[in-house]
Amino acid sequence: MKIKEDPEYIKNFKKTSIEKRLADVEIITDKYLNKRIPIIVDTFETKLNLKKHKYLVPKDLTMANFFSYIRKKFIVDSKDAIFVLCNNKLVNMQSILGDLYLKEKEDDNFLYFILTIENTFG
């Protein structure tokens, strides 16, 4: 699945100057002694009513743990599966977020995840 443009929240977030976003990340890394990473989560799906988009997570957290935390925030039909994309690639749920951050962070030093729903029964 290739996504051509960003969802609404990410699009608006990126309208902020890159200098401001880089400064925000620098403040975060200084405050948390480089042990937490900034993540932005968004979706195109209206079913997934995300109330929170910004997360600061420990570097040693697995993607599965982070996803289970996010997954508790909304109810999805049992026939639907939620997939997490980062830079138009599916994210391995066994990934350590710190490692994923080093490989996939964008120029502004944020890691962006896009959630999408697919019908598991065709």
PDB file of N, CA and C in Angstrom:
ATOM      1  N   MET A   1       0.844  -1.176   0.000  1.00  0.00           N
ATOM      2  CA  MET A   1       0.000   0.000   0.000  1.00  0.00           C
ATOM      3  C   MET A   1       0.889   1.238   0.000  1.00  0.00           C
ATOM      4  N   LYS A   2       0.761   2.050  -1.001  1.00  0.00           N
ATOM      5  CA  LYS A   2       1.572   3.262  -1.138  1.00  0.00           C
ATOM      6  C   LYS A   2       0.666   4.463  -0.865  1.00  0.00           C
ATOM      7  N   ILE A   3       1.060   5.298   0.062  1.00  0.00           N
ATOM      8  CA  ILE A   3       0.299   6.501   0.392  1.00  0.00           C
ATOM      9  C   ILE A   3       1.000   7.683  -0.252  1.00  0.00           C
ATOM     10  N   LYS A   4       0.254   8.434  -1.038  1.00  0.00           N
ATOM     11  CA  LYS A   4       0.860   9.528  -1.807  1.00  0.00           C
ATOM     12  C   LYS A   4       0.964  10.826  -1.025  1.00  0.00           C
ATOM     13  N   GLU A   5       0.031  11.037  -0.090  1.00  0.00           N
ATOM     14  CA  GLU A   5       0.104  12.271   0.686  1.00  0.00           C
ATOM     15  C   GLU A   5      -0.145  11.961   2.149  1.00  0.00           C
ATOM     16  N   ASP A   6       0.205  12.900   2.994  1.00  0.00           N
ATOM     17  CA  ASP A   6       0.053  12.701   4.427  1.00  0.00           C
ATOM     18  C   ASP A   6      -1.390  12.934   4.860  1.00  0.00           C
ATOM     19  N   PRO A   7      -1.787  12.290   5.966  1.00  0.00           N
ATOM     20  CA  PRO A   7      -3.098  12.588   6.549  1.00  0.00           C
ATOM     21  C   PRO A   7      -3.140  14.022   7.076  1.00  0.00           C
ATOM     22  N   GLU A   8      -4.306  14.477   7.417  1.00  0.00           N
ATOM     23  CA  GLU A   8      -4.547  15.884   7.759  1.00  0.00           C
ATOM     24  C   GLU A   8      -3.678  16.396   8.910  1.00  0.00           C
ATOM     25  N   TYR A   9      -3.622  15.668  10.023  1.00  0.00           N
ATOM     26  CA  TYR A   9      -2.851  16.159  11.166  1.00  0.00           C
ATOM     27  C   TYR A   9      -1.371  16.276  10.824  1.00  0.00           C
ATOM     28  N   ILE A  10      -0.819  15.265  10.174  1.00  0.00           N
ATOM     29  CA  ILE A  10       0.605  15.300   9.812  1.00  0.00           C
ATOM     30  C   ILE A  10       0.865  16.436   8.831  1.00  0.00           C
ATOM     31  N   LYS A  11      -0.040  16.618   7.885  1.00  0.00           N
ATOM     32  CA  LYS A  11       0.116  17.703   6.909  1.00  0.00           C
ATOM     33  C   LYS A  11       0.169  19.056   7.620  1.00  0.00           C
ATOM     34  N   ASN A  12      -0.744  19.283   8.573  1.00  0.00           N
ATOM     35  CA  ASN A  12      -0.758  20.541   9.325  1.00  0.00           C
ATOM     36  C   ASN A  12       0.455  20.670  10.231  1.00  0.00           C
ATOM     37  N   PHE A  13       0.878  19.562  10.824  1.00  0.00           N
ATOM     38  CA  PHE A  13       2.046  19.574  11.695  1.00  0.00           C
ATOM     39  C   PHE A  13       3.294  19.969  10.912  1.00  0.00           C
ATOM     40  N   LYS A  14       3.411  19.471   9.701  1.00  0.00           N
ATOM     41  CA  LYS A  14       4.590  19.768   8.876  1.00  0.00           C
ATOM     42  C   LYS A  14       4.583  21.185   8.314  1.00  0.00           C
ATOM     43  N   LYS A  15       3.471  21.892   8.456  1.00  0.00           N
ATOM     44  CA  LYS A  15       3.436  23.296   8.025  1.00  0.00           C
ATOM     45  C   LYS A  15       4.248  24.174   8.970  1.00  0.00           C
ATOM     46  N   THR A  16       4.444  23.688  10.202  1.00  0.00           N
ATOM     47  CA  THR A  16       5.317  24.388  11.139  1.00  0.00           C
ATOM     48  C   THR A  16       6.733  24.334  10.573  1.00  0.00           C
ATOM     49  N   SER A  17       7.475  25.385  10.753  1.00  0.00           N
ATOM     50  CA  SER A  17       8.821  25.420  10.159  1.00  0.00           C
ATOM     51  C   SER A  17       9.679  24.272  10.686  1.00  0.00           C
ATOM     52  N   ILE A  18      10.568  23.791   9.832  1.00  0.00           N
ATOM     53  CA  ILE A  18      11.435  22.681  10.222  1.00  0.00           C
ATOM     54  C   ILE A  18      12.365  23.101  11.361  1.00  0.00           C
ATOM     55  N   GLU A  19      12.732  24.364  11.409  1.00  0.00           N
ATOM     56  CA  GLU A  19      13.579  24.857  12.488  1.00  0.00           C
ATOM     57  C   GLU A  19      12.879  24.720  13.834  1.00  0.00           C
ATOM     58  N   LYS A  20      11.588  25.051  13.865  1.00  0.00           N
ATOM     59  CA  LYS A  20      10.791  24.932  15.097  1.00  0.00           C
ATOM     60  C   LYS A  20      10.660  23.470  15.508  1.00  0.00           C
ATOM     61  N   ARG A  21      10.390  22.585  14.539  1.00  0.00           N
ATOM     62  CA  ARG A  21      10.257  21.159  14.850  1.00  0.00           C
ATOM     63  C   ARG A  21      11.576  20.583  15.343  1.00  0.00           C
ATOM     64  N   LEU A  22      12.693  20.977  14.722  1.00  0.00           N
ATOM     65  CA  LEU A  22      14.006  20.516  15.184  1.00  0.00           C
ATOM     66  C   LEU A  22      14.310  21.025  16.593  1.00  0.00           C
ATOM     67  N   ALA A  23      13.935  22.263  16.870  1.00  0.00           N
ATOM     68  CA  ALA A  23      14.145  22.830  18.204  1.00  0.00           C
ATOM     69  C   ALA A  23      13.307  22.080  19.240  1.00  0.00           C
ATOM     70  N   ASP A  24      12.080  21.717  18.879  1.00  0.00           N
ATOM     71  CA  ASP A  24      11.219  20.947  19.786  1.00  0.00           C
ATOM     72  C   ASP A  24      11.845  19.601  20.126  1.00  0.00           C
ATOM     73  N   VAL A  25      12.383  18.927  19.123  1.00  0.00           N
ATOM     74  CA  VAL A  25      13.026  17.631  19.360  1.00  0.00           C
ATOM     75  C   VAL A  25      14.268  17.803  20.225  1.00  0.00           C
ATOM     76  N   GLU A  26      15.013  18.865  20.004  1.00  0.00           N
ATOM     77  CA  GLU A  26      16.210  19.112  20.812  1.00  0.00           C
ATOM     78  C   GLU A  26      15.844  19.320  22.278  1.00  0.00           C
ATOM     79  N   ILE A  27      14.770  20.048  22.524  1.00  0.00           N
ATOM     80  CA  ILE A  27      14.295  20.253  23.897  1.00  0.00           C
ATOM     81  C   ILE A  27      13.907  18.912  24.522  1.00  0.00           C
ATOM     82  N   ILE A  28      13.228  18.084  23.751  1.00  0.00           N
ATOM     83  CA  ILE A  28      12.798  16.771  24.241  1.00  0.00           C
ATOM     84  C   ILE A  28      14.005  15.902  24.584  1.00  0.00           C
ATOM     85  N   THR A  29      14.973  15.845  23.675  1.00  0.00           N
ATOM     86  CA  THR A  29      16.140  14.982  23.914  1.00  0.00           C
ATOM     87  C   THR A  29      16.968  15.484  25.100  1.00  0.00           C
ATOM     88  N   ASP A  30      17.058  16.789  25.274  1.00  0.00           N
ATOM     89  CA  ASP A  30      17.775  17.335  26.430  1.00  0.00           C
ATOM     90  C   ASP A  30      17.031  17.025  27.733  1.00  0.00           C
ATOM     91  N   LYS A  31      15.735  17.208  27.716  1.00  0.00           N
ATOM     92  CA  LYS A  31      14.921  17.007  28.917  1.00  0.00           C
ATOM     93  C   LYS A  31      14.925  15.542  29.351  1.00  0.00           C
ATOM     94  N   TYR A  32      14.827  14.630  28.403  1.00  0.00           N
ATOM     95  CA  TYR A  32      14.721  13.205  28.721  1.00  0.00           C
ATOM     96  C   TYR A  32      16.032  12.459  28.500  1.00  0.00           C
ATOM     97  N   LEU A  33      17.124  13.187  28.441  1.00  0.00           N
ATOM     98  CA  LEU A  33      18.466  12.608  28.318  1.00  0.00           C
ATOM     99  C   LEU A  33      18.573  11.597  27.183  1.00  0.00           C
ATOM    100  N   ASN A  34      17.909  11.917  26.080  1.00  0.00           N
ATOM    101  CA  ASN A  34      17.981  11.103  24.864  1.00  0.00           C
ATOM    102  C   ASN A  34      17.432   9.682  25.068  1.00  0.00           C
ATOM    103  N   LYS A  35      16.491   9.513  26.024  1.00  0.00           N
ATOM    104  CA  LYS A  35      15.919   8.190  26.295  1.00  0.00           C
ATOM    105  C   LYS A  35      14.504   8.037  25.746  1.00  0.00           C
ATOM    106  N   ARG A  36      13.964   9.091  25.204  1.00  0.00           N
ATOM    107  CA  ARG A  36      12.614   9.041  24.626  1.00  0.00           C
ATOM    108  C   ARG A  36      12.645   9.581  23.208  1.00  0.00           C
ATOM    109  N   ILE A  37      11.704   9.092  22.408  1.00  0.00           N
ATOM    110  CA  ILE A  37      11.642   9.542  21.021  1.00  0.00           C
ATOM    111  C   ILE A  37      10.271  10.138  20.719  1.00  0.00           C
ATOM    112  N   PRO A  38      10.236  11.177  19.892  1.00  0.00           N
ATOM    113  CA  PRO A  38       8.962  11.809  19.535  1.00  0.00           C
ATOM    114  C   PRO A  38       8.329  11.104  18.330  1.00  0.00           C
ATOM    115  N   ILE A  39       7.060  10.756  18.492  1.00  0.00           N
ATOM    116  CA  ILE A  39       6.328  10.067  17.434  1.00  0.00           C
ATOM    117  C   ILE A  39       5.031  10.820  17.158  1.00  0.00           C
ATOM    118  N   ILE A  40       4.698  10.942  15.874  1.00  0.00           N
ATOM    119  CA  ILE A  40       3.420  11.522  15.443  1.00  0.00           C
ATOM    120  C   ILE A  40       2.626  10.399  14.789  1.00  0.00           C
ATOM    121  N   VAL A  41       1.373  10.229  15.214  1.00  0.00           N
ATOM    122  CA  VAL A  41       0.502   9.173  14.687  1.00  0.00           C
ATOM    123  C   VAL A  41      -0.731   9.819  14.084  1.00  0.00           C
ATOM    124  N   ASP A  42      -1.113   9.373  12.892  1.00  0.00           N
ATOM    125  CA  ASP A  42      -2.330   9.876  12.248  1.00  0.00           C
ATOM    126  C   ASP A  42      -2.928   8.781  11.373  1.00  0.00           C
ATOM    127  N   THR A  43      -4.105   9.051  10.865  1.00  0.00           N
ATOM    128  CA  THR A  43      -4.810   8.093  10.026  1.00  0.00           C
ATOM    129  C   THR A  43      -5.720   8.820   9.051  1.00  0.00           C
ATOM    130  N   PHE A  44      -6.040   8.145   7.953  1.00  0.00           N
ATOM    131  CA  PHE A  44      -7.041   8.657   7.018  1.00  0.00           C
ATOM    132  C   PHE A  44      -8.429   8.161   7.407  1.00  0.00           C
ATOM    133  N   GLU A  45      -8.499   7.137   8.250  1.00  0.00           N
ATOM    134  CA  GLU A  45      -9.744   6.462   8.576  1.00  0.00           C
ATOM    135  C   GLU A  45     -10.579   7.289   9.546  1.00  0.00           C
ATOM    136  N   THR A  46     -11.845   7.501   9.211  1.00  0.00           N
ATOM    137  CA  THR A  46     -12.724   8.207  10.134  1.00  0.00           C
ATOM    138  C   THR A  46     -13.149   7.306  11.289  1.00  0.00           C
ATOM    139  N   LYS A  47     -13.087   5.992  11.096  1.00  0.00           N
ATOM    140  CA  LYS A  47     -13.398   5.043  12.174  1.00  0.00           C
ATOM    141  C   LYS A  47     -12.428   5.178  13.336  1.00  0.00           C
ATOM    142  N   LEU A  48     -11.198   5.491  13.032  1.00  0.00           N
ATOM    143  CA  LEU A  48     -10.172   5.622  14.059  1.00  0.00           C
ATOM    144  C   LEU A  48     -10.101   7.071  14.512  1.00  0.00           C
ATOM    145  N   ASN A  49     -10.887   7.376  15.490  1.00  0.00           N
ATOM    146  CA  ASN A  49     -10.964   8.743  15.973  1.00  0.00           C
ATOM    147  C   ASN A  49      -9.824   8.993  16.961  1.00  0.00           C
ATOM    148  N   LEU A  50      -8.682   9.379  16.443  1.00  0.00           N
ATOM    149  CA  LEU A  50      -7.529   9.633  17.297  1.00  0.00           C
ATOM    150  C   LEU A  50      -7.677  10.981  17.991  1.00  0.00           C
ATOM    151  N   LYS A  51      -7.621  10.959  19.300  1.00  0.00           N
ATOM    152  CA  LYS A  51      -7.705  12.203  20.051  1.00  0.00           C
ATOM    153  C   LYS A  51      -6.308  12.745  20.358  1.00  0.00           C
ATOM    154  N   LYS A  52      -5.330  11.853  20.341  1.00  0.00           N
ATOM    155  CA  LYS A  52      -3.953  12.252  20.623  1.00  0.00           C
ATOM    156  C   LYS A  52      -3.083  11.817  19.451  1.00  0.00           C
ATOM    157  N   HIS A  53      -2.227  12.709  19.004  1.00  0.00           N
ATOM    158  CA  HIS A  53      -1.372  12.424  17.856  1.00  0.00           C
ATOM    159  C   HIS A  53       0.119  12.418  18.200  1.00  0.00           C
ATOM    160  N   LYS A  54       0.500  13.107  19.263  1.00  0.00           N
ATOM    161  CA  LYS A  54       1.912  13.215  19.628  1.00  0.00           C
ATOM    162  C   LYS A  54       2.208  12.291  20.808  1.00  0.00           C
ATOM    163  N   TYR A  55       3.309  11.555  20.689  1.00  0.00           N
ATOM    164  CA  TYR A  55       3.712  10.638  21.745  1.00  0.00           C
ATOM    165  C   TYR A  55       5.208  10.763  21.993  1.00  0.00           C
ATOM    166  N   LEU A  56       5.593  10.633  23.252  1.00  0.00           N
ATOM    167  CA  LEU A  56       6.997  10.529  23.653  1.00  0.00           C
ATOM    168  C   LEU A  56       7.144   9.155  24.277  1.00  0.00           C
ATOM    169  N   VAL A  57       7.905   8.297  23.644  1.00  0.00           N
ATOM    170  CA  VAL A  57       7.981   6.918  24.112  1.00  0.00           C
ATOM    171  C   VAL A  57       9.416   6.526  24.424  1.00  0.00           C
ATOM    172  N   PRO A  58       9.580   5.587  25.361  1.00  0.00           N
ATOM    173  CA  PRO A  58      10.936   5.102  25.656  1.00  0.00           C
ATOM    174  C   PRO A  58      11.544   4.415  24.441  1.00  0.00           C
ATOM    175  N   LYS A  59      12.836   4.583  24.272  1.00  0.00           N
ATOM    176  CA  LYS A  59      13.527   4.004  23.114  1.00  0.00           C
ATOM    177  C   LYS A  59      13.509   2.482  23.112  1.00  0.00           C
ATOM    178  N   ASP A  60      13.428   1.863  24.292  1.00  0.00           N
ATOM    179  CA  ASP A  60      13.494   0.412  24.361  1.00  0.00           C
ATOM    180  C   ASP A  60      12.133  -0.268  24.255  1.00  0.00           C
ATOM    181  N   LEU A  61      11.072   0.483  24.019  1.00  0.00           N
ATOM    182  CA  LEU A  61       9.726  -0.068  23.866  1.00  0.00           C
ATOM    183  C   LEU A  61       9.600  -0.770  22.516  1.00  0.00           C
ATOM    184  N   THR A  62       8.894  -1.897  22.498  1.00  0.00           N
ATOM    185  CA  THR A  62       8.670  -2.569  21.214  1.00  0.00           C
ATOM    186  C   THR A  62       7.477  -1.932  20.517  1.00  0.00           C
ATOM    187  N   MET A  63       7.442  -2.085  19.220  1.00  0.00           N
ATOM    188  CA  MET A  63       6.326  -1.568  18.435  1.00  0.00           C
ATOM    189  C   MET A  63       5.022  -2.229  18.885  1.00  0.00           C
ATOM    190  N   ALA A  64       5.066  -3.512  19.216  1.00  0.00           N
ATOM    191  CA  ALA A  64       3.863  -4.228  19.665  1.00  0.00           C
ATOM    192  C   ALA A  64       3.287  -3.595  20.932  1.00  0.00           C
ATOM    193  N   ASN A  65       4.143  -3.231  21.874  1.00  0.00           N
ATOM    194  CA  ASN A  65       3.665  -2.586  23.105  1.00  0.00           C
ATOM    195  C   ASN A  65       3.082  -1.210  22.829  1.00  0.00           C
ATOM    196  N   PHE A  66       3.751  -0.451  21.992  1.00  0.00           N
ATOM    197  CA  PHE A  66       3.244   0.876  21.630  1.00  0.00           C
ATOM    198  C   PHE A  66       1.908   0.760  20.903  1.00  0.00           C
ATOM    199  N   PHE A  67       1.831  -0.177  19.979  1.00  0.00           N
ATOM    200  CA  PHE A  67       0.605  -0.355  19.211  1.00  0.00           C
ATOM    201  C   PHE A  67      -0.544  -0.811  20.110  1.00  0.00           C
ATOM    202  N   SER A  68      -0.284  -1.689  21.056  1.00  0.00           N
ATOM    203  CA  SER A  68      -1.366  -2.141  21.941  1.00  0.00           C
ATOM    204  C   SER A  68      -1.883  -0.980  22.785  1.00  0.00           C
ATOM    205  N   TYR A  69      -0.996  -0.062  23.171  1.00  0.00           N
ATOM    206  CA  TYR A  69      -1.420   1.135  23.896  1.00  0.00           C
ATOM    207  C   TYR A  69      -2.338   1.996  23.018  1.00  0.00           C
ATOM    208  N   ILE A  70      -1.946   2.216  21.775  1.00  0.00           N
ATOM    209  CA  ILE A  70      -2.749   3.024  20.862  1.00  0.00           C
ATOM    210  C   ILE A  70      -4.059   2.310  20.527  1.00  0.00           C
ATOM    211  N   ARG A  71      -3.988   1.002  20.347  1.00  0.00           N
ATOM    212  CA  ARG A  71      -5.144   0.191  19.944  1.00  0.00           C
ATOM    213  C   ARG A  71      -6.271   0.266  20.965  1.00  0.00           C
ATOM    214  N   LYS A  72      -5.941   0.479  22.229  1.00  0.00           N
ATOM    215  CA  LYS A  72      -6.954   0.587  23.290  1.00  0.00           C
ATOM    216  C   LYS A  72      -7.788   1.854  23.158  1.00  0.00           C
ATOM    217  N   LYS A  73      -7.324   2.792  22.369  1.00  0.00           N
ATOM    218  CA  LYS A  73      -7.987   4.093  22.260  1.00  0.00           C
ATOM    219  C   LYS A  73      -9.226   4.093  21.363  1.00  0.00           C
ATOM    220  N   PHE A  74      -9.426   3.046  20.585  1.00  0.00           N
ATOM    221  CA  PHE A  74     -10.577   3.018  19.685  1.00  0.00           C
ATOM    222  C   PHE A  74     -11.088   1.594  19.500  1.00  0.00           C
ATOM    223  N   ILE A  75     -12.327   1.490  19.045  1.00  0.00           N
ATOM    224  CA  ILE A  75     -12.970   0.199  18.815  1.00  0.00           C
ATOM    225  C   ILE A  75     -13.063  -0.035  17.317  1.00  0.00           C
ATOM    226  N   VAL A  76     -12.644  -1.225  16.895  1.00  0.00           N
ATOM    227  CA  VAL A  76     -12.657  -1.575  15.478  1.00  0.00           C
ATOM    228  C   VAL A  76     -13.403  -2.896  15.333  1.00  0.00           C
ATOM    229  N   ASP A  77     -14.138  -3.037  14.241  1.00  0.00           N
ATOM    230  CA  ASP A  77     -14.826  -4.291  13.940  1.00  0.00           C
ATOM    231  C   ASP A  77     -13.859  -5.462  13.984  1.00  0.00           C
ATOM    232  N   SER A  78     -14.366  -6.623  14.368  1.00  0.00           N
ATOM    233  CA  SER A  78     -13.497  -7.802  14.439  1.00  0.00           C
ATOM    234  C   SER A  78     -13.021  -8.242  13.060  1.00  0.00           C
ATOM    235  N   LYS A  79     -13.730  -7.855  12.007  1.00  0.00           N
ATOM    236  CA  LYS A  79     -13.316  -8.235  10.649  1.00  0.00           C
ATOM    237  C   LYS A  79     -12.248  -7.299  10.079  1.00  0.00           C
ATOM    238  N   ASP A  80     -11.963  -6.226  10.790  1.00  0.00           N
ATOM    239  CA  ASP A  80     -10.970  -5.248  10.330  1.00  0.00           C
ATOM    240  C   ASP A  80      -9.636  -5.433  11.041  1.00  0.00           C
ATOM    241  N   ALA A  81      -8.566  -5.225  10.311  1.00  0.00           N
ATOM    242  CA  ALA A  81      -7.218  -5.261  10.879  1.00  0.00           C
ATOM    243  C   ALA A  81      -6.597  -3.875  10.711  1.00  0.00           C
ATOM    244  N   ILE A  82      -5.831  -3.482  11.697  1.00  0.00           N
ATOM    245  CA  ILE A  82      -5.153  -2.188  11.648  1.00  0.00           C
ATOM    246  C   ILE A  82      -3.685  -2.440  11.305  1.00  0.00           C
ATOM    247  N   PHE A  83      -3.196  -1.686  10.341  1.00  0.00           N
ATOM    248  CA  PHE A  83      -1.800  -1.779   9.937  1.00  0.00           C
ATOM    249  C   PHE A  83      -1.118  -0.448  10.227  1.00  0.00           C
ATOM    250  N   VAL A  84       0.148  -0.524  10.576  1.00  0.00           N
ATOM    251  CA  VAL A  84       0.934   0.675  10.872  1.00  0.00           C
ATOM    252  C   VAL A  84       1.973   0.838   9.777  1.00  0.00           C
ATOM    253  N   LEU A  85       1.975   2.020   9.159  1.00  0.00           N
ATOM    254  CA  LEU A  85       2.945   2.334   8.112  1.00  0.00           C
ATOM    255  C   LEU A  85       3.893   3.427   8.598  1.00  0.00           C
ATOM    256  N   CYS A  86       5.146   3.275   8.204  1.00  0.00           N
ATOM    257  CA  CYS A  86       6.144   4.299   8.461  1.00  0.00           C
ATOM    258  C   CYS A  86       6.946   4.442   7.170  1.00  0.00           C
ATOM    259  N   ASN A  87       6.937   5.604   6.590  1.00  0.00           N
ATOM    260  CA  ASN A  87       7.598   5.839   5.299  1.00  0.00           C
ATOM    261  C   ASN A  87       7.112   4.851   4.235  1.00  0.00           C
ATOM    262  N   ASN A  88       5.803   4.663   4.193  1.00  0.00           N
ATOM    263  CA  ASN A  88       5.138   3.780   3.220  1.00  0.00           C
ATOM    264  C   ASN A  88       5.557   2.318   3.318  1.00  0.00           C
ATOM    265  N   LYS A  89       6.022   1.903   4.479  1.00  0.00           N
ATOM    266  CA  LYS A  89       6.377   0.505   4.708  1.00  0.00           C
ATOM    267  C   LYS A  89       5.646   0.011   5.934  1.00  0.00           C
ATOM    268  N   LEU A  90       5.212  -1.259   5.898  1.00  0.00           N
ATOM    269  CA  LEU A  90       4.619  -1.861   7.082  1.00  0.00           C
ATOM    270  C   LEU A  90       5.671  -1.976   8.177  1.00  0.00           C
ATOM    271  N   VAL A  91       5.253  -1.727   9.396  1.00  0.00           N
ATOM    272  CA  VAL A  91       6.169  -1.780  10.526  1.00  0.00           C
ATOM    273  C   VAL A  91       6.121  -3.169  11.150  1.00  0.00           C
ATOM    274  N   ASN A  92       7.283  -3.753  11.382  1.00  0.00           N
ATOM    275  CA  ASN A  92       7.383  -5.022  12.074  1.00  0.00           C
ATOM    276  C   ASN A  92       7.070  -4.794  13.544  1.00  0.00           C
ATOM    277  N   MET A  93       6.116  -5.541  14.075  1.00  0.00           N
ATOM    278  CA  MET A  93       5.685  -5.346  15.456  1.00  0.00           C
ATOM    279  C   MET A  93       6.752  -5.753  16.474  1.00  0.00           C
ATOM    280  N   GLN A  94       7.777  -6.480  16.060  1.00  0.00           N
ATOM    281  CA  GLN A  94       8.856  -6.872  16.971  1.00  0.00           C
ATOM    282  C   GLN A  94       9.970  -5.824  17.024  1.00  0.00           C
ATOM    283  N   SER A  95       9.853  -4.786  16.202  1.00  0.00           N
ATOM    284  CA  SER A  95      10.882  -3.738  16.156  1.00  0.00           C
ATOM    285  C   SER A  95      10.965  -2.998  17.482  1.00  0.00           C
ATOM    286  N   ILE A  96      12.165  -2.636  17.845  1.00  0.00           N
ATOM    287  CA  ILE A  96      12.386  -1.752  18.989  1.00  0.00           C
ATOM    288  C   ILE A  96      12.280  -0.327  18.446  1.00  0.00           C
ATOM    289  N   LEU A  97      11.498   0.507  19.122  1.00  0.00           N
ATOM    290  CA  LEU A  97      11.238   1.846  18.593  1.00  0.00           C
ATOM    291  C   LEU A  97      12.508   2.680  18.443  1.00  0.00           C
ATOM    292  N   GLY A  98      13.471   2.509  19.319  1.00  0.00           N
ATOM    293  CA  GLY A  98      14.733   3.248  19.186  1.00  0.00           C
ATOM    294  C   GLY A  98      15.453   2.902  17.896  1.00  0.00           C
ATOM    295  N   ASP A  99      15.468   1.610  17.532  1.00  0.00           N
ATOM    296  CA  ASP A  99      16.101   1.183  16.282  1.00  0.00           C
ATOM    297  C   ASP A  99      15.325   1.696  15.076  1.00  0.00           C
ATOM    298  N   LEU A 100      14.005   1.594  15.161  1.00  0.00           N
ATOM    299  CA  LEU A 100      13.148   2.080  14.078  1.00  0.00           C
ATOM    300  C   LEU A 100      13.332   3.583  13.889  1.00  0.00           C
ATOM    301  N   TYR A 101      13.450   4.299  14.992  1.00  0.00           N
ATOM    302  CA  TYR A 101      13.659   5.747  14.943  1.00  0.00           C
ATOM    303  C   TYR A 101      14.946   6.095  14.199  1.00  0.00           C
ATOM    304  N   LEU A 102      16.024   5.389  14.504  1.00  0.00           N
ATOM    305  CA  LEU A 102      17.299   5.671  13.843  1.00  0.00           C
ATOM    306  C   LEU A 102      17.230   5.429  12.342  1.00  0.00           C
ATOM    307  N   LYS A 103      16.460   4.425  11.918  1.00  0.00           N
ATOM    308  CA  LYS A 103      16.365   4.093  10.489  1.00  0.00           C
ATOM    309  C   LYS A 103      15.343   4.935   9.737  1.00  0.00           C
ATOM    310  N   GLU A 104      14.230   5.279  10.396  1.00  0.00           N
ATOM    311  CA  GLU A 104      13.087   5.834   9.673  1.00  0.00           C
ATOM    312  C   GLU A 104      12.701   7.267  10.022  1.00  0.00           C
ATOM    313  N   LYS A 105      13.384   7.916  10.949  1.00  0.00           N
ATOM    314  CA  LYS A 105      12.994   9.285  11.303  1.00  0.00           C
ATOM    315  C   LYS A 105      13.143  10.189  10.088  1.00  0.00           C
ATOM    316  N   GLU A 106      12.340  11.239  10.079  1.00  0.00           N
ATOM    317  CA  GLU A 106      12.401  12.183   8.956  1.00  0.00           C
ATOM    318  C   GLU A 106      13.402  13.291   9.267  1.00  0.00           C
ATOM    319  N   ASP A 107      13.550  14.216   8.354  1.00  0.00           N
ATOM    320  CA  ASP A 107      14.538  15.287   8.484  1.00  0.00           C
ATOM    321  C   ASP A 107      14.324  16.156   9.720  1.00  0.00           C
ATOM    322  N   ASP A 108      13.084  16.199  10.221  1.00  0.00           N
ATOM    323  CA  ASP A 108      12.787  17.010  11.400  1.00  0.00           C
ATOM    324  C   ASP A 108      12.971  16.226  12.700  1.00  0.00           C
ATOM    325  N   ASN A 109      13.493  14.998  12.595  1.00  0.00           N
ATOM    326  CA  ASN A 109      13.759  14.112  13.733  1.00  0.00           C
ATOM    327  C   ASN A 109      12.509  13.604  14.446  1.00  0.00           C
ATOM    328  N   PHE A 110      11.376  13.637  13.780  1.00  0.00           N
ATOM    329  CA  PHE A 110      10.164  12.992  14.274  1.00  0.00           C
ATOM    330  C   PHE A 110       9.976  11.693  13.512  1.00  0.00           C
ATOM    331  N   LEU A 111       9.345  10.734  14.165  1.00  0.00           N
ATOM    332  CA  LEU A 111       8.981   9.479  13.533  1.00  0.00           C
ATOM    333  C   LEU A 111       7.482   9.549  13.275  1.00  0.00           C
ATOM    334  N   TYR A 112       7.067   9.311  12.029  1.00  0.00           N
ATOM    335  CA  TYR A 112       5.664   9.431  11.656  1.00  0.00           C
ATOM    336  C   TYR A 112       5.072   8.056  11.373  1.00  0.00           C
ATOM    337  N   PHE A 113       3.944   7.747  12.023  1.00  0.00           N
ATOM    338  CA  PHE A 113       3.207   6.515  11.772  1.00  0.00           C
ATOM    339  C   PHE A 113       1.845   6.861  11.212  1.00  0.00           C
ATOM    340  N   ILE A 114       1.423   6.110  10.213  1.00  0.00           N
ATOM    341  CA  ILE A 114       0.083   6.248   9.657  1.00  0.00           C
ATOM    342  C   ILE A 114      -0.646   4.922   9.876  1.00  0.00           C
ATOM    343  N   LEU A 115      -1.802   5.004  10.508  1.00  0.00           N
ATOM    344  CA  LEU A 115      -2.615   3.815  10.757  1.00  0.00           C
ATOM    345  C   LEU A 115      -3.613   3.659   9.623  1.00  0.00           C
ATOM    346  N   THR A 116      -3.839   2.436   9.203  1.00  0.00           N
ATOM    347  CA  THR A 116      -4.809   2.166   8.155  1.00  0.00           C
ATOM    348  C   THR A 116      -5.574   0.889   8.495  1.00  0.00           C
ATOM    349  N   ILE A 117      -6.820   0.816   8.035  1.00  0.00           N
ATOM    350  CA  ILE A 117      -7.668  -0.354   8.297  1.00  0.00           C
ATOM    351  C   ILE A 117      -7.860  -1.109   6.999  1.00  0.00           C
ATOM    352  N   GLU A 118      -7.765  -2.417   7.081  1.00  0.00           N
ATOM    353  CA  GLU A 118      -8.044  -3.288   5.938  1.00  0.00           C
ATOM    354  C   GLU A 118      -9.000  -4.373   6.407  1.00  0.00           C
ATOM    355  N   ASN A 119      -9.930  -4.727   5.536  1.00  0.00           N
ATOM    356  CA  ASN A 119     -10.864  -5.808   5.835  1.00  0.00           C
ATOM    357  C   ASN A 119     -10.111  -7.135   5.712  1.00  0.00           C
ATOM    358  N   THR A 120     -10.113  -7.916   6.780  1.00  0.00           N
ATOM    359  CA  THR A 120      -9.335  -9.165   6.778  1.00  0.00           C
ATOM    360  C   THR A 120     -10.034 -10.307   6.043  1.00  0.00           C
ATOM    361  N   PHE A 121     -11.304 -10.139   5.717  1.00  0.00           N
ATOM    362  CA  PHE A 121     -12.043 -11.197   5.049  1.00  0.00           C
ATOM    363  C   PHE A 121     -12.370 -10.861   3.602  1.00  0.00           C
ATOM    364  N   GLY A 122     -11.569 -10.017   2.999  1.00  0.00           N
ATOM    365  CA  GLY A 122     -11.743  -9.749   1.577  1.00  0.00           C
ATOM    366  C   GLY A 122     -12.478  -8.571   1.276  1.00  0.00           C
TER     367      GLY A 122
END
